[in-house]
Amino acid sequence: MRETIKKQLEAVVYADLSNFDEKTNTYYIPKYSKPKYEVKGCYLIKVANEIVNNPDSVIATNWNHGTAPSCQYLKIYVSKTMGRMVYVDGVGYDYTTKTDLNYMWSGWLPIDGMLQLTVL
């Protein structure tokens, strides 16, 4: 695969790129539909790059008292919603090994800054 294509694929936020066929060098990307987060629901999400480890972001300073999640992938429990924001209690998740991490974070996240990977 060409280097420019690799760089562009790494920048993709909302598409699920986990379905890759190495034999044909083809990605099978399912149709995107806006996720719905329900109170008392549990989800596996991918947090947008601009939110992770960024305590100076608007989300961190205005909504979360200067904290931001340190993990790209989180298993979350939705406690409450307010407009396009959801308050979550999350556990870090290693997507490559499919294991939980010893990391917990609670705070507000924008629905537009998360990619819902699965409902738990």
PDB file of N, CA and C in Angstrom:
ATOM      1  N   MET A   1       0.851  -1.169   0.000  1.00  0.00           N
ATOM      2  CA  MET A   1       0.000   0.000   0.000  1.00  0.00           C
ATOM      3  C   MET A   1       0.900   1.237   0.000  1.00  0.00           C
ATOM      4  N   ARG A   2       0.521   2.226  -0.747  1.00  0.00           N
ATOM      5  CA  ARG A   2       1.322   3.442  -0.853  1.00  0.00           C
ATOM      6  C   ARG A   2       1.307   4.228   0.448  1.00  0.00           C
ATOM      7  N   GLU A   3       2.383   4.961   0.676  1.00  0.00           N
ATOM      8  CA  GLU A   3       2.552   5.708   1.925  1.00  0.00           C
ATOM      9  C   GLU A   3       1.491   6.799   2.084  1.00  0.00           C
ATOM     10  N   THR A   4       1.118   7.474   1.004  1.00  0.00           N
ATOM     11  CA  THR A   4       0.095   8.527   1.108  1.00  0.00           C
ATOM     12  C   THR A   4      -1.269   7.947   1.479  1.00  0.00           C
ATOM     13  N   ILE A   5      -1.570   6.773   0.968  1.00  0.00           N
ATOM     14  CA  ILE A   5      -2.843   6.122   1.303  1.00  0.00           C
ATOM     15  C   ILE A   5      -2.835   5.710   2.773  1.00  0.00           C
ATOM     16  N   LYS A   6      -1.712   5.195   3.269  1.00  0.00           N
ATOM     17  CA  LYS A   6      -1.602   4.816   4.676  1.00  0.00           C
ATOM     18  C   LYS A   6      -1.834   6.027   5.580  1.00  0.00           C
ATOM     19  N   LYS A   7      -1.234   7.158   5.234  1.00  0.00           N
ATOM     20  CA  LYS A   7      -1.393   8.374   6.038  1.00  0.00           C
ATOM     21  C   LYS A   7      -2.841   8.843   6.052  1.00  0.00           C
ATOM     22  N   GLN A   8      -3.506   8.768   4.911  1.00  0.00           N
ATOM     23  CA  GLN A   8      -4.903   9.188   4.850  1.00  0.00           C
ATOM     24  C   GLN A   8      -5.800   8.251   5.650  1.00  0.00           C
ATOM     25  N   LEU A   9      -5.532   6.955   5.606  1.00  0.00           N
ATOM     26  CA  LEU A   9      -6.324   5.994   6.374  1.00  0.00           C
ATOM     27  C   LEU A   9      -6.113   6.166   7.878  1.00  0.00           C
ATOM     28  N   GLU A  10      -4.912   6.546   8.292  1.00  0.00           N
ATOM     29  CA  GLU A  10      -4.648   6.783   9.708  1.00  0.00           C
ATOM     30  C   GLU A  10      -5.399   8.006  10.227  1.00  0.00           C
ATOM     31  N   ALA A  11      -5.739   8.941   9.347  1.00  0.00           N
ATOM     32  CA  ALA A  11      -6.448  10.153   9.750  1.00  0.00           C
ATOM     33  C   ALA A  11      -7.968   9.963   9.809  1.00  0.00           C
ATOM     34  N   VAL A  12      -8.449   8.820   9.343  1.00  0.00           N
ATOM     35  CA  VAL A  12      -9.887   8.567   9.338  1.00  0.00           C
ATOM     36  C   VAL A  12     -10.396   8.433  10.762  1.00  0.00           C
ATOM     37  N   VAL A  13     -11.530   9.107  11.059  1.00  0.00           N
ATOM     38  CA  VAL A  13     -12.080   9.096  12.408  1.00  0.00           C
ATOM     39  C   VAL A  13     -13.317   8.216  12.498  1.00  0.00           C
ATOM     40  N   TYR A  14     -14.268   8.377  11.613  1.00  0.00           N
ATOM     41  CA  TYR A  14     -15.574   7.751  11.764  1.00  0.00           C
ATOM     42  C   TYR A  14     -15.749   6.414  11.074  1.00  0.00           C
ATOM     43  N   ALA A  15     -14.903   6.064  10.158  1.00  0.00           N
ATOM     44  CA  ALA A  15     -15.074   4.798   9.442  1.00  0.00           C
ATOM     45  C   ALA A  15     -14.467   3.644  10.238  1.00  0.00           C
ATOM     46  N   ASP A  16     -15.123   2.509  10.191  1.00  0.00           N
ATOM     47  CA  ASP A  16     -14.639   1.299  10.844  1.00  0.00           C
ATOM     48  C   ASP A  16     -13.697   0.589   9.872  1.00  0.00           C
ATOM     49  N   LEU A  17     -12.391   0.668  10.153  1.00  0.00           N
ATOM     50  CA  LEU A  17     -11.387   0.098   9.253  1.00  0.00           C
ATOM     51  C   LEU A  17     -10.883  -1.260   9.730  1.00  0.00           C
ATOM     52  N   SER A  18     -11.649  -1.916  10.580  1.00  0.00           N
ATOM     53  CA  SER A  18     -11.198  -3.194  11.122  1.00  0.00           C
ATOM     54  C   SER A  18     -11.416  -4.361  10.156  1.00  0.00           C
ATOM     55  N   ASN A  19     -12.191  -4.182   9.111  1.00  0.00           N
ATOM     56  CA  ASN A  19     -12.473  -5.251   8.150  1.00  0.00           C
ATOM     57  C   ASN A  19     -11.572  -5.107   6.927  1.00  0.00           C
ATOM     58  N   PHE A  20     -10.335  -5.576   7.048  1.00  0.00           N
ATOM     59  CA  PHE A  20      -9.356  -5.465   5.973  1.00  0.00           C
ATOM     60  C   PHE A  20      -8.987  -6.849   5.475  1.00  0.00           C
ATOM     61  N   ASP A  21      -9.073  -7.025   4.174  1.00  0.00           N
ATOM     62  CA  ASP A  21      -8.699  -8.296   3.553  1.00  0.00           C
ATOM     63  C   ASP A  21      -7.303  -8.131   2.956  1.00  0.00           C
ATOM     64  N   GLU A  22      -6.304  -8.774   3.572  1.00  0.00           N
ATOM     65  CA  GLU A  22      -4.923  -8.627   3.126  1.00  0.00           C
ATOM     66  C   GLU A  22      -4.665  -9.268   1.758  1.00  0.00           C
ATOM     67  N   LYS A  23      -5.408 -10.306   1.436  1.00  0.00           N
ATOM     68  CA  LYS A  23      -5.199 -10.997   0.162  1.00  0.00           C
ATOM     69  C   LYS A  23      -5.535 -10.102  -1.023  1.00  0.00           C
ATOM     70  N   THR A  24      -6.652  -9.376  -0.904  1.00  0.00           N
ATOM     71  CA  THR A  24      -7.075  -8.506  -2.004  1.00  0.00           C
ATOM     72  C   THR A  24      -6.725  -7.037  -1.757  1.00  0.00           C
ATOM     73  N   ASN A  25      -6.126  -6.744  -0.564  1.00  0.00           N
ATOM     74  CA  ASN A  25      -5.764  -5.382  -0.194  1.00  0.00           C
ATOM     75  C   ASN A  25      -6.985  -4.456  -0.249  1.00  0.00           C
ATOM     76  N   THR A  26      -8.086  -4.938   0.369  1.00  0.00           N
ATOM     77  CA  THR A  26      -9.362  -4.222   0.291  1.00  0.00           C
ATOM     78  C   THR A  26      -9.943  -4.012   1.677  1.00  0.00           C
ATOM     79  N   TYR A  27     -10.477  -2.816   1.899  1.00  0.00           N
ATOM     80  CA  TYR A  27     -11.218  -2.517   3.128  1.00  0.00           C
ATOM     81  C   TYR A  27     -12.703  -2.681   2.851  1.00  0.00           C
ATOM     82  N   TYR A  28     -13.402  -3.360   3.741  1.00  0.00           N
ATOM     83  CA  TYR A  28     -14.854  -3.465   3.672  1.00  0.00           C
ATOM     84  C   TYR A  28     -15.405  -2.576   4.781  1.00  0.00           C
ATOM     85  N   ILE A  29     -15.901  -1.413   4.393  1.00  0.00           N
ATOM     86  CA  ILE A  29     -16.339  -0.412   5.360  1.00  0.00           C
ATOM     87  C   ILE A  29     -17.860  -0.394   5.393  1.00  0.00           C
ATOM     88  N   PRO A  30     -18.451  -0.717   6.546  1.00  0.00           N
ATOM     89  CA  PRO A  30     -19.912  -0.697   6.644  1.00  0.00           C
ATOM     90  C   PRO A  30     -20.440   0.725   6.589  1.00  0.00           C
ATOM     91  N   LYS A  31     -21.690   0.858   6.185  1.00  0.00           N
ATOM     92  CA  LYS A  31     -22.333   2.162   6.096  1.00  0.00           C
ATOM     93  C   LYS A  31     -22.370   2.813   7.471  1.00  0.00           C
ATOM     94  N   TYR A  32     -22.058   4.090   7.524  1.00  0.00           N
ATOM     95  CA  TYR A  32     -22.048   4.830   8.783  1.00  0.00           C
ATOM     96  C   TYR A  32     -23.448   5.325   9.112  1.00  0.00           C
ATOM     97  N   SER A  33     -23.849   5.097  10.342  1.00  0.00           N
ATOM     98  CA  SER A  33     -25.101   5.664  10.834  1.00  0.00           C
ATOM     99  C   SER A  33     -24.803   6.331  12.166  1.00  0.00           C
ATOM    100  N   LYS A  34     -25.456   7.451  12.418  1.00  0.00           N
ATOM    101  CA  LYS A  34     -25.183   8.201  13.636  1.00  0.00           C
ATOM    102  C   LYS A  34     -25.514   7.343  14.853  1.00  0.00           C
ATOM    103  N   PRO A  35     -24.575   7.273  15.794  1.00  0.00           N
ATOM    104  CA  PRO A  35     -24.831   6.459  16.984  1.00  0.00           C
ATOM    105  C   PRO A  35     -25.814   7.136  17.917  1.00  0.00           C
ATOM    106  N   LYS A  36     -26.515   6.340  18.678  1.00  0.00           N
ATOM    107  CA  LYS A  36     -27.429   6.838  19.694  1.00  0.00           C
ATOM    108  C   LYS A  36     -26.930   6.336  21.034  1.00  0.00           C
ATOM    109  N   TYR A  37     -26.712   7.265  21.933  1.00  0.00           N
ATOM    110  CA  TYR A  37     -26.244   6.917  23.268  1.00  0.00           C
ATOM    111  C   TYR A  37     -27.394   7.094  24.240  1.00  0.00           C
ATOM    112  N   GLU A  38     -27.779   6.010  24.891  1.00  0.00           N
ATOM    113  CA  GLU A  38     -28.884   6.035  25.829  1.00  0.00           C
ATOM    114  C   GLU A  38     -28.354   6.002  27.256  1.00  0.00           C
ATOM    115  N   VAL A  39     -29.040   6.712  28.147  1.00  0.00           N
ATOM    116  CA  VAL A  39     -28.680   6.693  29.555  1.00  0.00           C
ATOM    117  C   VAL A  39     -28.801   5.256  30.061  1.00  0.00           C
ATOM    118  N   LYS A  40     -27.854   4.846  30.862  1.00  0.00           N
ATOM    119  CA  LYS A  40     -27.713   3.488  31.404  1.00  0.00           C
ATOM    120  C   LYS A  40     -27.255   2.493  30.345  1.00  0.00           C
ATOM    121  N   GLY A  41     -26.756   2.982  29.218  1.00  0.00           N
ATOM    122  CA  GLY A  41     -26.232   2.113  28.174  1.00  0.00           C
ATOM    123  C   GLY A  41     -24.724   1.991  28.273  1.00  0.00           C
ATOM    124  N   CYS A  42     -24.185   0.876  27.812  1.00  0.00           N
ATOM    125  CA  CYS A  42     -22.747   0.625  27.807  1.00  0.00           C
ATOM    126  C   CYS A  42     -22.273   0.451  26.370  1.00  0.00           C
ATOM    127  N   TYR A  43     -21.121   1.064  26.050  1.00  0.00           N
ATOM    128  CA  TYR A  43     -20.630   1.080  24.678  1.00  0.00           C
ATOM    129  C   TYR A  43     -19.113   0.988  24.659  1.00  0.00           C
ATOM    130  N   LEU A  44     -18.572   0.481  23.579  1.00  0.00           N
ATOM    131  CA  LEU A  44     -17.146   0.555  23.303  1.00  0.00           C
ATOM    132  C   LEU A  44     -16.985   1.674  22.288  1.00  0.00           C
ATOM    133  N   ILE A  45     -16.156   2.679  22.620  1.00  0.00           N
ATOM    134  CA  ILE A  45     -16.009   3.831  21.735  1.00  0.00           C
ATOM    135  C   ILE A  45     -14.542   4.109  21.429  1.00  0.00           C
ATOM    136  N   LYS A  46     -14.341   4.856  20.350  1.00  0.00           N
ATOM    137  CA  LYS A  46     -13.035   5.399  20.018  1.00  0.00           C
ATOM    138  C   LYS A  46     -13.169   6.914  20.132  1.00  0.00           C
ATOM    139  N   VAL A  47     -12.317   7.520  20.935  1.00  0.00           N
ATOM    140  CA  VAL A  47     -12.363   8.959  21.169  1.00  0.00           C
ATOM    141  C   VAL A  47     -11.523   9.661  20.105  1.00  0.00           C
ATOM    142  N   ALA A  48     -12.012  10.802  19.625  1.00  0.00           N
ATOM    143  CA  ALA A  48     -11.303  11.570  18.593  1.00  0.00           C
ATOM    144  C   ALA A  48      -9.926  11.992  19.087  1.00  0.00           C
ATOM    145  N   ASN A  49      -8.964  12.040  18.176  1.00  0.00           N
ATOM    146  CA  ASN A  49      -7.579  12.369  18.509  1.00  0.00           C
ATOM    147  C   ASN A  49      -7.436  13.724  19.185  1.00  0.00           C
ATOM    148  N   GLU A  50      -8.255  14.701  18.805  1.00  0.00           N
ATOM    149  CA  GLU A  50      -8.117  16.047  19.366  1.00  0.00           C
ATOM    150  C   GLU A  50      -8.592  16.141  20.815  1.00  0.00           C
ATOM    151  N   ILE A  51      -9.254  15.111  21.321  1.00  0.00           N
ATOM    152  CA  ILE A  51      -9.721  15.098  22.707  1.00  0.00           C
ATOM    153  C   ILE A  51      -8.754  14.347  23.615  1.00  0.00           C
ATOM    154  N   VAL A  52      -8.158  13.268  23.121  1.00  0.00           N
ATOM    155  CA  VAL A  52      -7.283  12.412  23.926  1.00  0.00           C
ATOM    156  C   VAL A  52      -6.021  13.169  24.332  1.00  0.00           C
ATOM    157  N   ASN A  53      -5.677  13.078  25.624  1.00  0.00           N
ATOM    158  CA  ASN A  53      -4.466  13.699  26.184  1.00  0.00           C
ATOM    159  C   ASN A  53      -4.359  15.189  25.869  1.00  0.00           C
ATOM    160  N   ASN A  54      -5.471  15.893  25.832  1.00  0.00           N
ATOM    161  CA  ASN A  54      -5.454  17.316  25.520  1.00  0.00           C
ATOM    162  C   ASN A  54      -6.182  18.091  26.614  1.00  0.00           C
ATOM    163  N   PRO A  55      -5.516  18.370  27.749  1.00  0.00           N
ATOM    164  CA  PRO A  55      -6.180  19.086  28.841  1.00  0.00           C
ATOM    165  C   PRO A  55      -6.448  20.553  28.517  1.00  0.00           C
ATOM    166  N   ASP A  56      -5.924  21.048  27.390  1.00  0.00           N
ATOM    167  CA  ASP A  56      -6.161  22.439  26.993  1.00  0.00           C
ATOM    168  C   ASP A  56      -7.318  22.582  26.011  1.00  0.00           C
ATOM    169  N   SER A  57      -7.973  21.478  25.663  1.00  0.00           N
ATOM    170  CA  SER A  57      -9.093  21.555  24.720  1.00  0.00           C
ATOM    171  C   SER A  57     -10.293  22.210  25.378  1.00  0.00           C
ATOM    172  N   VAL A  58     -11.225  22.660  24.569  1.00  0.00           N
ATOM    173  CA  VAL A  58     -12.442  23.289  25.073  1.00  0.00           C
ATOM    174  C   VAL A  58     -13.245  22.301  25.908  1.00  0.00           C
ATOM    175  N   ILE A  59     -13.292  21.062  25.461  1.00  0.00           N
ATOM    176  CA  ILE A  59     -14.030  20.029  26.198  1.00  0.00           C
ATOM    177  C   ILE A  59     -13.430  19.852  27.592  1.00  0.00           C
ATOM    178  N   ALA A  60     -12.111  19.773  27.677  1.00  0.00           N
ATOM    179  CA  ALA A  60     -11.453  19.557  28.968  1.00  0.00           C
ATOM    180  C   ALA A  60     -11.614  20.772  29.881  1.00  0.00           C
ATOM    181  N   THR A  61     -11.382  21.964  29.363  1.00  0.00           N
ATOM    182  CA  THR A  61     -11.414  23.147  30.228  1.00  0.00           C
ATOM    183  C   THR A  61     -12.826  23.574  30.603  1.00  0.00           C
ATOM    184  N   ASN A  62     -13.754  23.542  29.669  1.00  0.00           N
ATOM    185  CA  ASN A  62     -15.105  24.026  29.948  1.00  0.00           C
ATOM    186  C   ASN A  62     -16.031  22.976  30.550  1.00  0.00           C
ATOM    187  N   TRP A  63     -15.798  21.712  30.275  1.00  0.00           N
ATOM    188  CA  TRP A  63     -16.724  20.671  30.709  1.00  0.00           C
ATOM    189  C   TRP A  63     -16.154  19.737  31.774  1.00  0.00           C
ATOM    190  N   ASN A  64     -14.847  19.535  31.803  1.00  0.00           N
ATOM    191  CA  ASN A  64     -14.265  18.466  32.624  1.00  0.00           C
ATOM    192  C   ASN A  64     -13.195  18.935  33.618  1.00  0.00           C
ATOM    193  N   HIS A  65     -13.209  20.177  34.021  1.00  0.00           N
ATOM    194  CA  HIS A  65     -12.277  20.688  35.033  1.00  0.00           C
ATOM    195  C   HIS A  65     -10.819  20.429  34.663  1.00  0.00           C
ATOM    196  N   GLY A  66     -10.498  20.546  33.392  1.00  0.00           N
ATOM    197  CA  GLY A  66      -9.118  20.401  32.931  1.00  0.00           C
ATOM    198  C   GLY A  66      -8.633  18.985  32.726  1.00  0.00           C
ATOM    199  N   THR A  67      -9.535  18.015  32.734  1.00  0.00           N
ATOM    200  CA  THR A  67      -9.101  16.633  32.505  1.00  0.00           C
ATOM    201  C   THR A  67      -9.566  16.159  31.132  1.00  0.00           C
ATOM    202  N   ALA A  68      -8.807  15.249  30.581  1.00  0.00           N
ATOM    203  CA  ALA A  68      -9.144  14.647  29.289  1.00  0.00           C
ATOM    204  C   ALA A  68      -8.797  13.163  29.364  1.00  0.00           C
ATOM    205  N   PRO A  69      -9.511  12.326  28.621  1.00  0.00           N
ATOM    206  CA  PRO A  69      -9.168  10.895  28.652  1.00  0.00           C
ATOM    207  C   PRO A  69      -7.779  10.652  28.068  1.00  0.00           C
ATOM    208  N   SER A  70      -7.068   9.691  28.642  1.00  0.00           N
ATOM    209  CA  SER A  70      -5.721   9.353  28.173  1.00  0.00           C
ATOM    210  C   SER A  70      -5.723   8.190  27.193  1.00  0.00           C
ATOM    211  N   CYS A  71      -6.843   7.503  27.080  1.00  0.00           N
ATOM    212  CA  CYS A  71      -6.946   6.335  26.201  1.00  0.00           C
ATOM    213  C   CYS A  71      -7.787   6.663  24.967  1.00  0.00           C
ATOM    214  N   GLN A  72      -7.372   6.166  23.835  1.00  0.00           N
ATOM    215  CA  GLN A  72      -8.115   6.343  22.585  1.00  0.00           C
ATOM    216  C   GLN A  72      -9.398   5.517  22.595  1.00  0.00           C
ATOM    217  N   TYR A  73      -9.343   4.332  23.192  1.00  0.00           N
ATOM    218  CA  TYR A  73     -10.505   3.444  23.245  1.00  0.00           C
ATOM    219  C   TYR A  73     -10.985   3.337  24.692  1.00  0.00           C
ATOM    220  N   LEU A  74     -12.301   3.435  24.869  1.00  0.00           N
ATOM    221  CA  LEU A  74     -12.902   3.356  26.194  1.00  0.00           C
ATOM    222  C   LEU A  74     -14.146   2.485  26.159  1.00  0.00           C
ATOM    223  N   LYS A  75     -14.344   1.726  27.219  1.00  0.00           N
ATOM    224  CA  LYS A  75     -15.634   1.089  27.472  1.00  0.00           C
ATOM    225  C   LYS A  75     -16.360   2.057  28.389  1.00  0.00           C
ATOM    226  N   ILE A  76     -17.531   2.535  27.953  1.00  0.00           N
ATOM    227  CA  ILE A  76     -18.198   3.581  28.727  1.00  0.00           C
ATOM    228  C   ILE A  76     -19.582   3.153  29.196  1.00  0.00           C
ATOM    229  N   TYR A  77     -20.001   3.783  30.288  1.00  0.00           N
ATOM    230  CA  TYR A  77     -21.364   3.707  30.799  1.00  0.00           C
ATOM    231  C   TYR A  77     -21.898   5.132  30.757  1.00  0.00           C
ATOM    232  N   VAL A  78     -23.011   5.363  30.084  1.00  0.00           N
ATOM    233  CA  VAL A  78     -23.578   6.703  29.947  1.00  0.00           C
ATOM    234  C   VAL A  78     -24.466   6.990  31.156  1.00  0.00           C
ATOM    235  N   SER A  79     -24.094   8.028  31.931  1.00  0.00           N
ATOM    236  CA  SER A  79     -24.843   8.399  33.130  1.00  0.00           C
ATOM    237  C   SER A  79     -25.939   9.407  32.832  1.00  0.00           C
ATOM    238  N   LYS A  80     -25.624  10.385  31.970  1.00  0.00           N
ATOM    239  CA  LYS A  80     -26.603  11.413  31.626  1.00  0.00           C
ATOM    240  C   LYS A  80     -26.229  12.062  30.312  1.00  0.00           C
ATOM    241  N   THR A  81     -27.196  12.732  29.711  1.00  0.00           N
ATOM    242  CA  THR A  81     -26.976  13.440  28.455  1.00  0.00           C
ATOM    243  C   THR A  81     -27.438  14.881  28.599  1.00  0.00           C
ATOM    244  N   MET A  82     -26.837  15.751  27.782  1.00  0.00           N
ATOM    245  CA  MET A  82     -27.231  17.155  27.736  1.00  0.00           C
ATOM    246  C   MET A  82     -26.947  17.656  26.313  1.00  0.00           C
ATOM    247  N   GLY A  83     -27.987  17.737  25.511  1.00  0.00           N
ATOM    248  CA  GLY A  83     -27.807  18.153  24.118  1.00  0.00           C
ATOM    249  C   GLY A  83     -26.967  17.147  23.356  1.00  0.00           C
ATOM    250  N   ARG A  84     -25.845  17.604  22.803  1.00  0.00           N
ATOM    251  CA  ARG A  84     -24.947  16.744  22.033  1.00  0.00           C
ATOM    252  C   ARG A  84     -23.773  16.247  22.879  1.00  0.00           C
ATOM    253  N   MET A  85     -23.913  16.317  24.214  1.00  0.00           N
ATOM    254  CA  MET A  85     -22.873  15.866  25.132  1.00  0.00           C
ATOM    255  C   MET A  85     -23.416  14.710  25.974  1.00  0.00           C
ATOM    256  N   VAL A  86     -22.512  13.794  26.354  1.00  0.00           N
ATOM    257  CA  VAL A  86     -22.882  12.690  27.235  1.00  0.00           C
ATOM    258  C   VAL A  86     -21.868  12.622  28.369  1.00  0.00           C
ATOM    259  N   TYR A  87     -22.356  12.341  29.574  1.00  0.00           N
ATOM    260  CA  TYR A  87     -21.469  12.145  30.715  1.00  0.00           C
ATOM    261  C   TYR A  87     -21.220  10.652  30.839  1.00  0.00           C
ATOM    262  N   VAL A  88     -19.941  10.276  30.850  1.00  0.00           N
ATOM    263  CA  VAL A  88     -19.583   8.861  30.827  1.00  0.00           C
ATOM    264  C   VAL A  88     -18.669   8.500  31.986  1.00  0.00           C
ATOM    265  N   ASP A  89     -18.753   7.259  32.394  1.00  0.00           N
ATOM    266  CA  ASP A  89     -17.786   6.634  33.277  1.00  0.00           C
ATOM    267  C   ASP A  89     -17.111   5.584  32.414  1.00  0.00           C
ATOM    268  N   GLY A  90     -15.798   5.710  32.235  1.00  0.00           N
ATOM    269  CA  GLY A  90     -15.126   4.840  31.279  1.00  0.00           C
ATOM    270  C   GLY A  90     -13.939   4.088  31.838  1.00  0.00           C
ATOM    271  N   VAL A  91     -13.666   2.965  31.212  1.00  0.00           N
ATOM    272  CA  VAL A  91     -12.501   2.132  31.502  1.00  0.00           C
ATOM    273  C   VAL A  91     -11.683   2.054  30.217  1.00  0.00           C
ATOM    274  N   GLY A  92     -10.373   2.256  30.326  1.00  0.00           N
ATOM    275  CA  GLY A  92      -9.500   2.158  29.166  1.00  0.00           C
ATOM    276  C   GLY A  92      -9.530   0.765  28.567  1.00  0.00           C
ATOM    277  N   TYR A  93      -9.331   0.701  27.247  1.00  0.00           N
ATOM    278  CA  TYR A  93      -9.425  -0.574  26.535  1.00  0.00           C
ATOM    279  C   TYR A  93      -8.324  -0.637  25.489  1.00  0.00           C
ATOM    280  N   ASP A  94      -7.628  -1.770  25.443  1.00  0.00           N
ATOM    281  CA  ASP A  94      -6.610  -2.003  24.424  1.00  0.00           C
ATOM    282  C   ASP A  94      -7.282  -2.729  23.266  1.00  0.00           C
ATOM    283  N   TYR A  95      -7.442  -2.038  22.155  1.00  0.00           N
ATOM    284  CA  TYR A  95      -8.201  -2.587  21.029  1.00  0.00           C
ATOM    285  C   TYR A  95      -7.456  -3.719  20.319  1.00  0.00           C
ATOM    286  N   THR A  96      -6.130  -3.703  20.364  1.00  0.00           N
ATOM    287  CA  THR A  96      -5.382  -4.747  19.661  1.00  0.00           C
ATOM    288  C   THR A  96      -5.412  -6.070  20.418  1.00  0.00           C
ATOM    289  N   THR A  97      -5.317  -6.021  21.762  1.00  0.00           N
ATOM    290  CA  THR A  97      -5.328  -7.256  22.547  1.00  0.00           C
ATOM    291  C   THR A  97      -6.714  -7.586  23.100  1.00  0.00           C
ATOM    292  N   LYS A  98      -7.675  -6.668  22.903  1.00  0.00           N
ATOM    293  CA  LYS A  98      -9.061  -6.864  23.365  1.00  0.00           C
ATOM    294  C   LYS A  98      -9.132  -7.065  24.877  1.00  0.00           C
ATOM    295  N   THR A  99      -8.364  -6.261  25.621  1.00  0.00           N
ATOM    296  CA  THR A  99      -8.361  -6.358  27.076  1.00  0.00           C
ATOM    297  C   THR A  99      -8.589  -4.993  27.713  1.00  0.00           C
ATOM    298  N   ASP A 100      -9.142  -5.006  28.922  1.00  0.00           N
ATOM    299  CA  ASP A 100      -9.323  -3.779  29.686  1.00  0.00           C
ATOM    300  C   ASP A 100      -7.983  -3.336  30.260  1.00  0.00           C
ATOM    301  N   LEU A 101      -7.832  -2.021  30.405  1.00  0.00           N
ATOM    302  CA  LEU A 101      -6.622  -1.451  30.981  1.00  0.00           C
ATOM    303  C   LEU A 101      -6.895  -1.007  32.413  1.00  0.00           C
ATOM    304  N   ASN A 102      -5.851  -0.766  33.137  1.00  0.00           N
ATOM    305  CA  ASN A 102      -5.966  -0.278  34.505  1.00  0.00           C
ATOM    306  C   ASN A 102      -6.065   1.253  34.463  1.00  0.00           C
ATOM    307  N   TYR A 103      -7.113   1.767  33.849  1.00  0.00           N
ATOM    308  CA  TYR A 103      -7.315   3.206  33.685  1.00  0.00           C
ATOM    309  C   TYR A 103      -8.807   3.496  33.709  1.00  0.00           C
ATOM    310  N   MET A 104      -9.210   4.473  34.518  1.00  0.00           N
ATOM    311  CA  MET A 104     -10.614   4.879  34.579  1.00  0.00           C
ATOM    312  C   MET A 104     -10.697   6.383  34.400  1.00  0.00           C
ATOM    313  N   TRP A 105     -11.759   6.846  33.756  1.00  0.00           N
ATOM    314  CA  TRP A 105     -11.979   8.271  33.543  1.00  0.00           C
ATOM    315  C   TRP A 105     -13.477   8.544  33.501  1.00  0.00           C
ATOM    316  N   SER A 106     -13.891   9.654  34.114  1.00  0.00           N
ATOM    317  CA  SER A 106     -15.286  10.089  34.077  1.00  0.00           C
ATOM    318  C   SER A 106     -15.327  11.536  33.617  1.00  0.00           C
ATOM    319  N   GLY A 107     -16.293  11.851  32.757  1.00  0.00           N
ATOM    320  CA  GLY A 107     -16.435  13.221  32.293  1.00  0.00           C
ATOM    321  C   GLY A 107     -17.377  13.316  31.113  1.00  0.00           C
ATOM    322  N   TRP A 108     -17.500  14.545  30.614  1.00  0.00           N
ATOM    323  CA  TRP A 108     -18.362  14.833  29.468  1.00  0.00           C
ATOM    324  C   TRP A 108     -17.595  14.640  28.174  1.00  0.00           C
ATOM    325  N   LEU A 109     -18.249  14.022  27.205  1.00  0.00           N
ATOM    326  CA  LEU A 109     -17.690  13.862  25.857  1.00  0.00           C
ATOM    327  C   LEU A 109     -18.734  14.290  24.830  1.00  0.00           C
ATOM    328  N   PRO A 110     -18.287  14.930  23.739  1.00  0.00           N
ATOM    329  CA  PRO A 110     -19.237  15.274  22.682  1.00  0.00           C
ATOM    330  C   PRO A 110     -19.570  14.049  21.835  1.00  0.00           C
ATOM    331  N   ILE A 111     -20.804  13.920  21.456  1.00  0.00           N
ATOM    332  CA  ILE A 111     -21.217  12.784  20.614  1.00  0.00           C
ATOM    333  C   ILE A 111     -20.454  12.804  19.295  1.00  0.00           C
ATOM    334  N   ASP A 112     -20.173  13.997  18.779  1.00  0.00           N
ATOM    335  CA  ASP A 112     -19.447  14.114  17.510  1.00  0.00           C
ATOM    336  C   ASP A 112     -17.968  13.751  17.661  1.00  0.00           C
ATOM    337  N   GLY A 113     -17.454  13.654  18.885  1.00  0.00           N
ATOM    338  CA  GLY A 113     -16.059  13.329  19.112  1.00  0.00           C
ATOM    339  C   GLY A 113     -15.814  11.882  19.478  1.00  0.00           C
ATOM    340  N   MET A 114     -16.853  11.049  19.283  1.00  0.00           N
ATOM    341  CA  MET A 114     -16.743   9.630  19.610  1.00  0.00           C
ATOM    342  C   MET A 114     -17.196   8.788  18.422  1.00  0.00           C
ATOM    343  N   LEU A 115     -16.586   7.645  18.278  1.00  0.00           N
ATOM    344  CA  LEU A 115     -17.011   6.668  17.300  1.00  0.00           C
ATOM    345  C   LEU A 115     -17.478   5.438  18.064  1.00  0.00           C
ATOM    346  N   GLN A 116     -18.747   5.114  17.941  1.00  0.00           N
ATOM    347  CA  GLN A 116     -19.289   3.949  18.647  1.00  0.00           C
ATOM    348  C   GLN A 116     -18.902   2.692  17.882  1.00  0.00           C
ATOM    349  N   LEU A 117     -18.126   1.828  18.510  1.00  0.00           N
ATOM    350  CA  LEU A 117     -17.686   0.604  17.858  1.00  0.00           C
ATOM    351  C   LEU A 117     -18.655  -0.543  18.089  1.00  0.00           C
ATOM    352  N   THR A 118     -19.195  -0.632  19.304  1.00  0.00           N
ATOM    353  CA  THR A 118     -20.152  -1.692  19.594  1.00  0.00           C
ATOM    354  C   THR A 118     -20.949  -1.344  20.853  1.00  0.00           C
ATOM    355  N   VAL A 119     -22.093  -1.967  20.974  1.00  0.00           N
ATOM    356  CA  VAL A 119     -22.920  -1.834  22.176  1.00  0.00           C
ATOM    357  C   VAL A 119     -22.584  -3.006  23.075  1.00  0.00           C
ATOM    358  N   LEU A 120     -22.343  -2.734  24.342  1.00  0.00           N
ATOM    359  CA  LEU A 120     -21.967  -3.792  25.284  1.00  0.00           C
ATOM    360  C   LEU A 120     -23.169  -4.222  26.111  1.00  0.00           C
TER     361      LEU A 120
END
